[in-house]
Amino acid sequence: MGSRNIHTDPEANPINVRRNLGIKKGHNPKAMGLFLEAYGTCKGTELATILRNVIISSIGAGNENQSKGYSGNSWGYNFPWATTAKTFAAGVPTVVATAFVV
């Protein structure tokens, strides 16, 4: 029996930490881009059907999560994040998130 990660395996941690901390469910634009890329890669397989259902349940989320107030199409993470030099608010566009969505 291997070790279980309480951060990524909801069954490993019986306490819903996110709810207790007031963290709302959201759509991560980079994750959506990765789902789309995977769907394109394995189109016509059983996995593609599963990915298609995930993507369909998130339709519109890409446009809803598009960073507002910036020129052009851009996306940022749906949570605040930091580098060693600076902290960014949720939604501030990043080249990484935008590259995966586009």
PDB file of N, CA and C in Angstrom:
ATOM      1  N   MET A   1       0.837  -1.175   0.000  1.00  0.00           N
ATOM      2  CA  MET A   1       0.000   0.000   0.000  1.00  0.00           C
ATOM      3  C   MET A   1       0.881   1.237   0.000  1.00  0.00           C
ATOM      4  N   GLY A   2       0.752   2.061  -1.013  1.00  0.00           N
ATOM      5  CA  GLY A   2       1.592   3.238  -1.140  1.00  0.00           C
ATOM      6  C   GLY A   2       1.076   4.413  -0.325  1.00  0.00           C
ATOM      7  N   SER A   3       1.906   5.440  -0.231  1.00  0.00           N
ATOM      8  CA  SER A   3       1.485   6.630   0.512  1.00  0.00           C
ATOM      9  C   SER A   3       0.465   7.416  -0.306  1.00  0.00           C
ATOM     10  N   ARG A   4      -0.399   8.158   0.380  1.00  0.00           N
ATOM     11  CA  ARG A   4      -1.445   8.938  -0.284  1.00  0.00           C
ATOM     12  C   ARG A   4      -1.218  10.406   0.009  1.00  0.00           C
ATOM     13  N   ASN A   5      -1.424  11.231  -0.975  1.00  0.00           N
ATOM     14  CA  ASN A   5      -1.211  12.662  -0.843  1.00  0.00           C
ATOM     15  C   ASN A   5      -2.512  13.333  -0.409  1.00  0.00           C
ATOM     16  N   ILE A   6      -2.513  13.935   0.782  1.00  0.00           N
ATOM     17  CA  ILE A   6      -3.746  14.555   1.284  1.00  0.00           C
ATOM     18  C   ILE A   6      -4.125  15.798   0.494  1.00  0.00           C
ATOM     19  N   HIS A   7      -3.183  16.342  -0.285  1.00  0.00           N
ATOM     20  CA  HIS A   7      -3.474  17.540  -1.082  1.00  0.00           C
ATOM     21  C   HIS A   7      -4.194  17.211  -2.380  1.00  0.00           C
ATOM     22  N   THR A   8      -3.893  16.074  -2.968  1.00  0.00           N
ATOM     23  CA  THR A   8      -4.469  15.743  -4.272  1.00  0.00           C
ATOM     24  C   THR A   8      -5.446  14.585  -4.239  1.00  0.00           C
ATOM     25  N   ASP A   9      -5.484  13.846  -3.136  1.00  0.00           N
ATOM     26  CA  ASP A   9      -6.382  12.700  -3.020  1.00  0.00           C
ATOM     27  C   ASP A   9      -7.444  13.000  -1.970  1.00  0.00           C
ATOM     28  N   PRO A  10      -8.660  13.379  -2.411  1.00  0.00           N
ATOM     29  CA  PRO A  10      -9.694  13.757  -1.452  1.00  0.00           C
ATOM     30  C   PRO A  10     -10.066  12.653  -0.471  1.00  0.00           C
ATOM     31  N   GLU A  11      -9.864  11.388  -0.864  1.00  0.00           N
ATOM     32  CA  GLU A  11     -10.187  10.287   0.038  1.00  0.00           C
ATOM     33  C   GLU A  11      -9.128  10.122   1.124  1.00  0.00           C
ATOM     34  N   ALA A  12      -7.934  10.675   0.920  1.00  0.00           N
ATOM     35  CA  ALA A  12      -6.864  10.556   1.906  1.00  0.00           C
ATOM     36  C   ALA A  12      -7.059  11.530   3.057  1.00  0.00           C
ATOM     37  N   ASN A  13      -7.819  12.581   2.836  1.00  0.00           N
ATOM     38  CA  ASN A  13      -8.056  13.578   3.868  1.00  0.00           C
ATOM     39  C   ASN A  13      -9.564  13.732   4.062  1.00  0.00           C
ATOM     40  N   PRO A  14     -10.106  13.248   5.173  1.00  0.00           N
ATOM     41  CA  PRO A  14     -11.558  13.310   5.370  1.00  0.00           C
ATOM     42  C   PRO A  14     -12.080  14.726   5.609  1.00  0.00           C
ATOM     43  N   ILE A  15     -11.193  15.660   5.876  1.00  0.00           N
ATOM     44  CA  ILE A  15     -11.605  17.043   6.108  1.00  0.00           C
ATOM     45  C   ILE A  15     -11.428  17.832   4.815  1.00  0.00           C
ATOM     46  N   ASN A  16     -12.503  18.496   4.373  1.00  0.00           N
ATOM     47  CA  ASN A  16     -12.417  19.316   3.164  1.00  0.00           C
ATOM     48  C   ASN A  16     -11.751  20.640   3.528  1.00  0.00           C
ATOM     49  N   VAL A  17     -10.442  20.683   3.423  1.00  0.00           N
ATOM     50  CA  VAL A  17      -9.662  21.846   3.828  1.00  0.00           C
ATOM     51  C   VAL A  17     -10.025  23.064   2.989  1.00  0.00           C
ATOM     52  N   ARG A  18     -10.247  22.880   1.708  1.00  0.00           N
ATOM     53  CA  ARG A  18     -10.559  24.010   0.837  1.00  0.00           C
ATOM     54  C   ARG A  18     -11.823  24.724   1.288  1.00  0.00           C
ATOM     55  N   ARG A  19     -12.867  23.962   1.586  1.00  0.00           N
ATOM     56  CA  ARG A  19     -14.119  24.577   2.033  1.00  0.00           C
ATOM     57  C   ARG A  19     -13.893  25.331   3.343  1.00  0.00           C
ATOM     58  N   ASN A  20     -13.141  24.723   4.258  1.00  0.00           N
ATOM     59  CA  ASN A  20     -12.872  25.352   5.549  1.00  0.00           C
ATOM     60  C   ASN A  20     -12.078  26.646   5.405  1.00  0.00           C
ATOM     61  N   LEU A  21     -11.271  26.737   4.364  1.00  0.00           N
ATOM     62  CA  LEU A  21     -10.480  27.949   4.126  1.00  0.00           C
ATOM     63  C   LEU A  21     -11.198  28.957   3.226  1.00  0.00           C
ATOM     64  N   GLY A  22     -12.402  28.611   2.792  1.00  0.00           N
ATOM     65  CA  GLY A  22     -13.180  29.523   1.950  1.00  0.00           C
ATOM     66  C   GLY A  22     -12.728  29.552   0.500  1.00  0.00           C
ATOM     67  N   ILE A  23     -12.052  28.493   0.057  1.00  0.00           N
ATOM     68  CA  ILE A  23     -11.585  28.428  -1.322  1.00  0.00           C
ATOM     69  C   ILE A  23     -12.717  27.897  -2.199  1.00  0.00           C
ATOM     70  N   LYS A  24     -13.129  28.703  -3.181  1.00  0.00           N
ATOM     71  CA  LYS A  24     -14.230  28.322  -4.065  1.00  0.00           C
ATOM     72  C   LYS A  24     -13.713  27.466  -5.219  1.00  0.00           C
ATOM     73  N   LYS A  25     -14.607  26.617  -5.755  1.00  0.00           N
ATOM     74  CA  LYS A  25     -14.253  25.842  -6.944  1.00  0.00           C
ATOM     75  C   LYS A  25     -14.096  26.800  -8.110  1.00  0.00           C
ATOM     76  N   GLY A  26     -13.192  26.492  -9.001  1.00  0.00           N
ATOM     77  CA  GLY A  26     -12.978  27.336 -10.168  1.00  0.00           C
ATOM     78  C   GLY A  26     -12.404  26.535 -11.318  1.00  0.00           C
ATOM     79  N   HIS A  27     -12.251  27.200 -12.455  1.00  0.00           N
ATOM     80  CA  HIS A  27     -11.655  26.577 -13.636  1.00  0.00           C
ATOM     81  C   HIS A  27     -10.286  27.191 -13.868  1.00  0.00           C
ATOM     82  N   ASN A  28      -9.276  26.357 -13.865  1.00  0.00           N
ATOM     83  CA  ASN A  28      -7.913  26.809 -14.114  1.00  0.00           C
ATOM     84  C   ASN A  28      -7.704  26.824 -15.629  1.00  0.00           C
ATOM     85  N   PRO A  29      -7.454  28.005 -16.223  1.00  0.00           N
ATOM     86  CA  PRO A  29      -7.289  28.093 -17.679  1.00  0.00           C
ATOM     87  C   PRO A  29      -6.180  27.191 -18.227  1.00  0.00           C
ATOM     88  N   LYS A  30      -5.075  27.053 -17.489  1.00  0.00           N
ATOM     89  CA  LYS A  30      -3.987  26.196 -17.966  1.00  0.00           C
ATOM     90  C   LYS A  30      -4.457  24.748 -18.018  1.00  0.00           C
ATOM     91  N   ALA A  31      -5.199  24.299 -17.004  1.00  0.00           N
ATOM     92  CA  ALA A  31      -5.721  22.931 -16.993  1.00  0.00           C
ATOM     93  C   ALA A  31      -6.668  22.710 -18.165  1.00  0.00           C
ATOM     94  N   MET A  32      -7.515  23.697 -18.449  1.00  0.00           N
ATOM     95  CA  MET A  32      -8.436  23.562 -19.582  1.00  0.00           C
ATOM     96  C   MET A  32      -7.668  23.437 -20.892  1.00  0.00           C
ATOM     97  N   GLY A  33      -6.593  24.209 -21.039  1.00  0.00           N
ATOM     98  CA  GLY A  33      -5.764  24.105 -22.230  1.00  0.00           C
ATOM     99  C   GLY A  33      -5.136  22.726 -22.360  1.00  0.00           C
ATOM    100  N   LEU A  34      -4.696  22.166 -21.230  1.00  0.00           N
ATOM    101  CA  LEU A  34      -4.117  20.822 -21.251  1.00  0.00           C
ATOM    102  C   LEU A  34      -5.159  19.767 -21.612  1.00  0.00           C
ATOM    103  N   PHE A  35      -6.392  19.925 -21.097  1.00  0.00           N
ATOM    104  CA  PHE A  35      -7.468  19.001 -21.472  1.00  0.00           C
ATOM    105  C   PHE A  35      -7.719  19.060 -22.975  1.00  0.00           C
ATOM    106  N   LEU A  36      -7.756  20.260 -23.534  1.00  0.00           N
ATOM    107  CA  LEU A  36      -7.988  20.413 -24.975  1.00  0.00           C
ATOM    108  C   LEU A  36      -6.869  19.772 -25.793  1.00  0.00           C
ATOM    109  N   GLU A  37      -5.629  19.987 -25.347  1.00  0.00           N
ATOM    110  CA  GLU A  37      -4.489  19.396 -26.051  1.00  0.00           C
ATOM    111  C   GLU A  37      -4.561  17.865 -25.998  1.00  0.00           C
ATOM    112  N   ALA A  38      -4.879  17.318 -24.828  1.00  0.00           N
ATOM    113  CA  ALA A  38      -4.986  15.864 -24.687  1.00  0.00           C
ATOM    114  C   ALA A  38      -6.107  15.318 -25.563  1.00  0.00           C
ATOM    115  N   TYR A  39      -7.223  16.041 -25.618  1.00  0.00           N
ATOM    116  CA  TYR A  39      -8.343  15.605 -26.451  1.00  0.00           C
ATOM    117  C   TYR A  39      -7.919  15.526 -27.912  1.00  0.00           C
ATOM    118  N   GLY A  40      -7.205  16.540 -28.372  1.00  0.00           N
ATOM    119  CA  GLY A  40      -6.743  16.553 -29.762  1.00  0.00           C
ATOM    120  C   GLY A  40      -5.766  15.436 -30.058  1.00  0.00           C
ATOM    121  N   THR A  41      -4.957  15.090 -29.066  1.00  0.00           N
ATOM    122  CA  THR A  41      -3.952  14.049 -29.233  1.00  0.00           C
ATOM    123  C   THR A  41      -4.561  12.653 -29.312  1.00  0.00           C
ATOM    124  N   CYS A  42      -5.599  12.417 -28.513  1.00  0.00           N
ATOM    125  CA  CYS A  42      -6.147  11.051 -28.459  1.00  0.00           C
ATOM    126  C   CYS A  42      -7.558  10.966 -29.027  1.00  0.00           C
ATOM    127  N   LYS A  43      -7.899  11.860 -29.931  1.00  0.00           N
ATOM    128  CA  LYS A  43      -9.227  11.849 -30.542  1.00  0.00           C
ATOM    129  C   LYS A  43      -9.509  10.482 -31.163  1.00  0.00           C
ATOM    130  N   GLY A  44     -10.721   9.987 -30.954  1.00  0.00           N
ATOM    131  CA  GLY A  44     -11.106   8.695 -31.501  1.00  0.00           C
ATOM    132  C   GLY A  44     -10.857   7.537 -30.556  1.00  0.00           C
ATOM    133  N   THR A  45     -10.329   7.814 -29.359  1.00  0.00           N
ATOM    134  CA  THR A  45     -10.101   6.755 -28.382  1.00  0.00           C
ATOM    135  C   THR A  45     -11.108   6.872 -27.239  1.00  0.00           C
ATOM    136  N   GLU A  46     -11.103   5.894 -26.367  1.00  0.00           N
ATOM    137  CA  GLU A  46     -12.000   5.924 -25.205  1.00  0.00           C
ATOM    138  C   GLU A  46     -11.647   7.087 -24.278  1.00  0.00           C
ATOM    139  N   LEU A  47     -10.352   7.358 -24.131  1.00  0.00           N
ATOM    140  CA  LEU A  47      -9.923   8.484 -23.302  1.00  0.00           C
ATOM    141  C   LEU A  47     -10.457   9.801 -23.849  1.00  0.00           C
ATOM    142  N   ALA A  48     -10.526   9.923 -25.152  1.00  0.00           N
ATOM    143  CA  ALA A  48     -11.046  11.142 -25.772  1.00  0.00           C
ATOM    144  C   ALA A  48     -12.490  11.390 -25.355  1.00  0.00           C
ATOM    145  N   THR A  49     -13.261  10.337 -25.229  1.00  0.00           N
ATOM    146  CA  THR A  49     -14.657  10.483 -24.794  1.00  0.00           C
ATOM    147  C   THR A  49     -14.718  11.046 -23.381  1.00  0.00           C
ATOM    148  N   ILE A  50     -13.865  10.563 -22.512  1.00  0.00           N
ATOM    149  CA  ILE A  50     -13.815  11.063 -21.134  1.00  0.00           C
ATOM    150  C   ILE A  50     -13.402  12.530 -21.128  1.00  0.00           C
ATOM    151  N   LEU A  51     -12.347  12.862 -21.868  1.00  0.00           N
ATOM    152  CA  LEU A  51     -11.869  14.243 -21.931  1.00  0.00           C
ATOM    153  C   LEU A  51     -12.919  15.159 -22.537  1.00  0.00           C
ATOM    154  N   ARG A  52     -13.632  14.659 -23.538  1.00  0.00           N
ATOM    155  CA  ARG A  52     -14.690  15.458 -24.171  1.00  0.00           C
ATOM    156  C   ARG A  52     -15.741  15.850 -23.139  1.00  0.00           C
ATOM    157  N   ASN A  53     -16.117  14.914 -22.280  1.00  0.00           N
ATOM    158  CA  ASN A  53     -17.102  15.210 -21.247  1.00  0.00           C
ATOM    159  C   ASN A  53     -16.594  16.249 -20.256  1.00  0.00           C
ATOM    160  N   VAL A  54     -15.321  16.176 -19.904  1.00  0.00           N
ATOM    161  CA  VAL A  54     -14.728  17.177 -19.007  1.00  0.00           C
ATOM    162  C   VAL A  54     -14.735  18.542 -19.677  1.00  0.00           C
ATOM    163  N   ILE A  55     -14.369  18.583 -20.942  1.00  0.00           N
ATOM    164  CA  ILE A  55     -14.311  19.847 -21.674  1.00  0.00           C
ATOM    165  C   ILE A  55     -15.708  20.441 -21.830  1.00  0.00           C
ATOM    166  N   ILE A  56     -16.686  19.614 -22.180  1.00  0.00           N
ATOM    167  CA  ILE A  56     -18.054  20.099 -22.361  1.00  0.00           C
ATOM    168  C   ILE A  56     -18.591  20.684 -21.058  1.00  0.00           C
ATOM    169  N   SER A  57     -18.253  20.055 -19.935  1.00  0.00           N
ATOM    170  CA  SER A  57     -18.728  20.584 -18.654  1.00  0.00           C
ATOM    171  C   SER A  57     -18.078  21.922 -18.329  1.00  0.00           C
ATOM    172  N   SER A  58     -16.990  22.253 -19.021  1.00  0.00           N
ATOM    173  CA  SER A  58     -16.287  23.518 -18.779  1.00  0.00           C
ATOM    174  C   SER A  58     -16.470  24.530 -19.908  1.00  0.00           C
ATOM    175  N   ILE A  59     -17.340  24.211 -20.881  1.00  0.00           N
ATOM    176  CA  ILE A  59     -17.540  25.114 -22.016  1.00  0.00           C
ATOM    177  C   ILE A  59     -17.884  26.508 -21.502  1.00  0.00           C
ATOM    178  N   GLY A  60     -17.298  27.476 -22.109  1.00  0.00           N
ATOM    179  CA  GLY A  60     -17.554  28.847 -21.706  1.00  0.00           C
ATOM    180  C   GLY A  60     -16.615  29.318 -20.621  1.00  0.00           C
ATOM    181  N   ALA A  61     -16.077  28.403 -19.859  1.00  0.00           N
ATOM    182  CA  ALA A  61     -15.197  28.801 -18.765  1.00  0.00           C
ATOM    183  C   ALA A  61     -13.935  29.485 -19.281  1.00  0.00           C
ATOM    184  N   GLY A  62     -13.474  29.092 -20.458  1.00  0.00           N
ATOM    185  CA  GLY A  62     -12.291  29.740 -21.018  1.00  0.00           C
ATOM    186  C   GLY A  62     -12.519  31.213 -21.263  1.00  0.00           C
ATOM    187  N   ASN A  63     -13.661  31.554 -21.853  1.00  0.00           N
ATOM    188  CA  ASN A  63     -13.968  32.966 -22.092  1.00  0.00           C
ATOM    189  C   ASN A  63     -14.300  33.687 -20.798  1.00  0.00           C
ATOM    190  N   GLU A  64     -14.989  33.013 -19.879  1.00  0.00           N
ATOM    191  CA  GLU A  64     -15.327  33.628 -18.602  1.00  0.00           C
ATOM    192  C   GLU A  64     -14.081  33.937 -17.793  1.00  0.00           C
ATOM    193  N   ASN A  65     -13.058  33.103 -17.914  1.00  0.00           N
ATOM    194  CA  ASN A  65     -11.828  33.284 -17.141  1.00  0.00           C
ATOM    195  C   ASN A  65     -10.779  34.110 -17.868  1.00  0.00           C
ATOM    196  N   GLN A  66     -11.120  34.603 -19.051  1.00  0.00           N
ATOM    197  CA  GLN A  66     -10.169  35.430 -19.786  1.00  0.00           C
ATOM    198  C   GLN A  66      -9.882  36.679 -18.965  1.00  0.00           C
ATOM    199  N   SER A  67      -8.618  37.077 -18.908  1.00  0.00           N
ATOM    200  CA  SER A  67      -8.238  38.256 -18.130  1.00  0.00           C
ATOM    201  C   SER A  67      -8.871  39.501 -18.722  1.00  0.00           C
ATOM    202  N   LYS A  68      -9.517  40.268 -17.879  1.00  0.00           N
ATOM    203  CA  LYS A  68     -10.202  41.477 -18.330  1.00  0.00           C
ATOM    204  C   LYS A  68      -9.340  42.701 -18.027  1.00  0.00           C
ATOM    205  N   GLY A  69      -9.450  43.694 -18.906  1.00  0.00           N
ATOM    206  CA  GLY A  69      -8.691  44.921 -18.704  1.00  0.00           C
ATOM    207  C   GLY A  69      -7.313  44.914 -19.336  1.00  0.00           C
ATOM    208  N   TYR A  70      -7.033  43.906 -20.133  1.00  0.00           N
ATOM    209  CA  TYR A  70      -5.744  43.801 -20.820  1.00  0.00           C
ATOM    210  C   TYR A  70      -6.015  43.702 -22.318  1.00  0.00           C
ATOM    211  N   SER A  71      -5.089  44.195 -23.123  1.00  0.00           N
ATOM    212  CA  SER A  71      -5.297  44.149 -24.572  1.00  0.00           C
ATOM    213  C   SER A  71      -5.056  42.737 -25.086  1.00  0.00           C
ATOM    214  N   GLY A  72      -5.851  42.348 -26.057  1.00  0.00           N
ATOM    215  CA  GLY A  72      -5.691  41.020 -26.645  1.00  0.00           C
ATOM    216  C   GLY A  72      -6.276  39.928 -25.770  1.00  0.00           C
ATOM    217  N   ASN A  73      -6.198  38.714 -26.266  1.00  0.00           N
ATOM    218  CA  ASN A  73      -6.687  37.555 -25.522  1.00  0.00           C
ATOM    219  C   ASN A  73      -5.587  37.069 -24.591  1.00  0.00           C
ATOM    220  N   SER A  74      -5.900  36.990 -23.311  1.00  0.00           N
ATOM    221  CA  SER A  74      -4.913  36.524 -22.343  1.00  0.00           C
ATOM    222  C   SER A  74      -5.622  35.891 -21.160  1.00  0.00           C
ATOM    223  N   TRP A  75      -4.922  34.974 -20.504  1.00  0.00           N
ATOM    224  CA  TRP A  75      -5.476  34.270 -19.360  1.00  0.00           C
ATOM    225  C   TRP A  75      -4.449  34.246 -18.248  1.00  0.00           C
ATOM    226  N   GLY A  76      -4.955  34.251 -17.029  1.00  0.00           N
ATOM    227  CA  GLY A  76      -4.112  34.107 -15.842  1.00  0.00           C
ATOM    228  C   GLY A  76      -4.680  32.993 -14.986  1.00  0.00           C
ATOM    229  N   TYR A  77      -3.980  32.670 -13.942  1.00  0.00           N
ATOM    230  CA  TYR A  77      -4.464  31.624 -13.044  1.00  0.00           C
ATOM    231  C   TYR A  77      -5.687  32.117 -12.280  1.00  0.00           C
ATOM    232  N   ASN A  78      -6.535  31.201 -11.854  1.00  0.00           N
ATOM    233  CA  ASN A  78      -7.754  31.559 -11.139  1.00  0.00           C
ATOM    234  C   ASN A  78      -7.511  31.656  -9.629  1.00  0.00           C
ATOM    235  N   PHE A  79      -6.273  31.862  -9.254  1.00  0.00           N
ATOM    236  CA  PHE A  79      -5.907  32.009  -7.848  1.00  0.00           C
ATOM    237  C   PHE A  79      -4.708  32.960  -7.767  1.00  0.00           C
ATOM    238  N   PRO A  80      -4.517  33.649  -6.647  1.00  0.00           N
ATOM    239  CA  PRO A  80      -3.325  34.493  -6.517  1.00  0.00           C
ATOM    240  C   PRO A  80      -2.076  33.603  -6.454  1.00  0.00           C
ATOM    241  N   TRP A  81      -0.987  34.101  -6.968  1.00  0.00           N
ATOM    242  CA  TRP A  81       0.241  33.312  -6.983  1.00  0.00           C
ATOM    243  C   TRP A  81       1.442  34.242  -6.854  1.00  0.00           C
ATOM    244  N   ALA A  82       2.594  33.668  -6.581  1.00  0.00           N
ATOM    245  CA  ALA A  82       3.783  34.486  -6.338  1.00  0.00           C
ATOM    246  C   ALA A  82       5.021  33.872  -6.963  1.00  0.00           C
ATOM    247  N   THR A  83       5.956  34.754  -7.308  1.00  0.00           N
ATOM    248  CA  THR A  83       7.303  34.345  -7.685  1.00  0.00           C
ATOM    249  C   THR A  83       8.198  34.736  -6.517  1.00  0.00           C
ATOM    250  N   THR A  84       9.479  34.522  -6.640  1.00  0.00           N
ATOM    251  CA  THR A  84      10.379  34.939  -5.565  1.00  0.00           C
ATOM    252  C   THR A  84      10.466  36.455  -5.480  1.00  0.00           C
ATOM    253  N   ALA A  85      10.069  37.160  -6.552  1.00  0.00           N
ATOM    254  CA  ALA A  85      10.204  38.613  -6.579  1.00  0.00           C
ATOM    255  C   ALA A  85       8.888  39.376  -6.431  1.00  0.00           C
ATOM    256  N   LYS A  86       7.757  38.755  -6.751  1.00  0.00           N
ATOM    257  CA  LYS A  86       6.512  39.506  -6.818  1.00  0.00           C
ATOM    258  C   LYS A  86       5.302  38.609  -6.572  1.00  0.00           C
ATOM    259  N   THR A  87       4.220  39.209  -6.086  1.00  0.00           N
ATOM    260  CA  THR A  87       2.949  38.507  -5.891  1.00  0.00           C
ATOM    261  C   THR A  87       1.945  39.031  -6.898  1.00  0.00           C
ATOM    262  N   PHE A  88       1.130  38.133  -7.464  1.00  0.00           N
ATOM    263  CA  PHE A  88       0.152  38.506  -8.474  1.00  0.00           C
ATOM    264  C   PHE A  88      -1.248  38.124  -8.013  1.00  0.00           C
ATOM    265  N   ALA A  89      -2.213  38.966  -8.346  1.00  0.00           N
ATOM    266  CA  ALA A  89      -3.613  38.687  -8.026  1.00  0.00           C
ATOM    267  C   ALA A  89      -4.157  37.647  -9.000  1.00  0.00           C
ATOM    268  N   ALA A  90      -5.226  37.004  -8.615  1.00  0.00           N
ATOM    269  CA  ALA A  90      -5.903  36.059  -9.511  1.00  0.00           C
ATOM    270  C   ALA A  90      -6.340  36.796 -10.769  1.00  0.00           C
ATOM    271  N   GLY A  91      -6.155  36.162 -11.922  1.00  0.00           N
ATOM    272  CA  GLY A  91      -6.601  36.743 -13.182  1.00  0.00           C
ATOM    273  C   GLY A  91      -5.564  37.572 -13.914  1.00  0.00           C
ATOM    274  N   VAL A  92      -4.453  37.925 -13.261  1.00  0.00           N
ATOM    275  CA  VAL A  92      -3.406  38.677 -13.962  1.00  0.00           C
ATOM    276  C   VAL A  92      -2.829  37.755 -15.028  1.00  0.00           C
ATOM    277  N   PRO A  93      -2.806  38.204 -16.293  1.00  0.00           N
ATOM    278  CA  PRO A  93      -2.370  37.304 -17.370  1.00  0.00           C
ATOM    279  C   PRO A  93      -0.925  36.842 -17.214  1.00  0.00           C
ATOM    280  N   THR A  94      -0.698  35.588 -17.588  1.00  0.00           N
ATOM    281  CA  THR A  94       0.652  35.038 -17.606  1.00  0.00           C
ATOM    282  C   THR A  94       0.897  34.409 -18.970  1.00  0.00           C
ATOM    283  N   VAL A  95       2.130  34.410 -19.392  1.00  0.00           N
ATOM    284  CA  VAL A  95       2.458  33.820 -20.678  1.00  0.00           C
ATOM    285  C   VAL A  95       2.243  32.298 -20.622  1.00  0.00           C
ATOM    286  N   VAL A  96       2.458  31.687 -19.468  1.00  0.00           N
ATOM    287  CA  VAL A  96       2.296  30.235 -19.344  1.00  0.00           C
ATOM    288  C   VAL A  96       0.827  29.848 -19.527  1.00  0.00           C
ATOM    289  N   ALA A  97      -0.070  30.450 -18.736  1.00  0.00           N
ATOM    290  CA  ALA A  97      -1.488  30.102 -18.847  1.00  0.00           C
ATOM    291  C   ALA A  97      -2.020  30.417 -20.236  1.00  0.00           C
ATOM    292  N   THR A  98      -1.669  31.593 -20.777  1.00  0.00           N
ATOM    293  CA  THR A  98      -2.138  31.994 -22.100  1.00  0.00           C
ATOM    294  C   THR A  98      -1.652  31.023 -23.176  1.00  0.00           C
ATOM    295  N   ALA A  99      -0.396  30.601 -23.092  1.00  0.00           N
ATOM    296  CA  ALA A  99       0.164  29.680 -24.093  1.00  0.00           C
ATOM    297  C   ALA A  99      -0.585  28.348 -24.108  1.00  0.00           C
ATOM    298  N   PHE A 100      -0.983  27.855 -22.944  1.00  0.00           N
ATOM    299  CA  PHE A 100      -1.704  26.588 -22.901  1.00  0.00           C
ATOM    300  C   PHE A 100      -3.127  26.714 -23.410  1.00  0.00           C
ATOM    301  N   VAL A 101      -3.747  27.874 -23.234  1.00  0.00           N
ATOM    302  CA  VAL A 101      -5.131  28.065 -23.687  1.00  0.00           C
ATOM    303  C   VAL A 101      -5.170  28.287 -25.181  1.00  0.00           C
ATOM    304  N   VAL A 102      -4.227  29.077 -25.690  1.00  0.00           N
ATOM    305  CA  VAL A 102      -4.209  29.408 -27.124  1.00  0.00           C
ATOM    306  C   VAL A 102      -3.652  28.241 -27.845  1.00  0.00           C
TER     307      VAL A 102
END
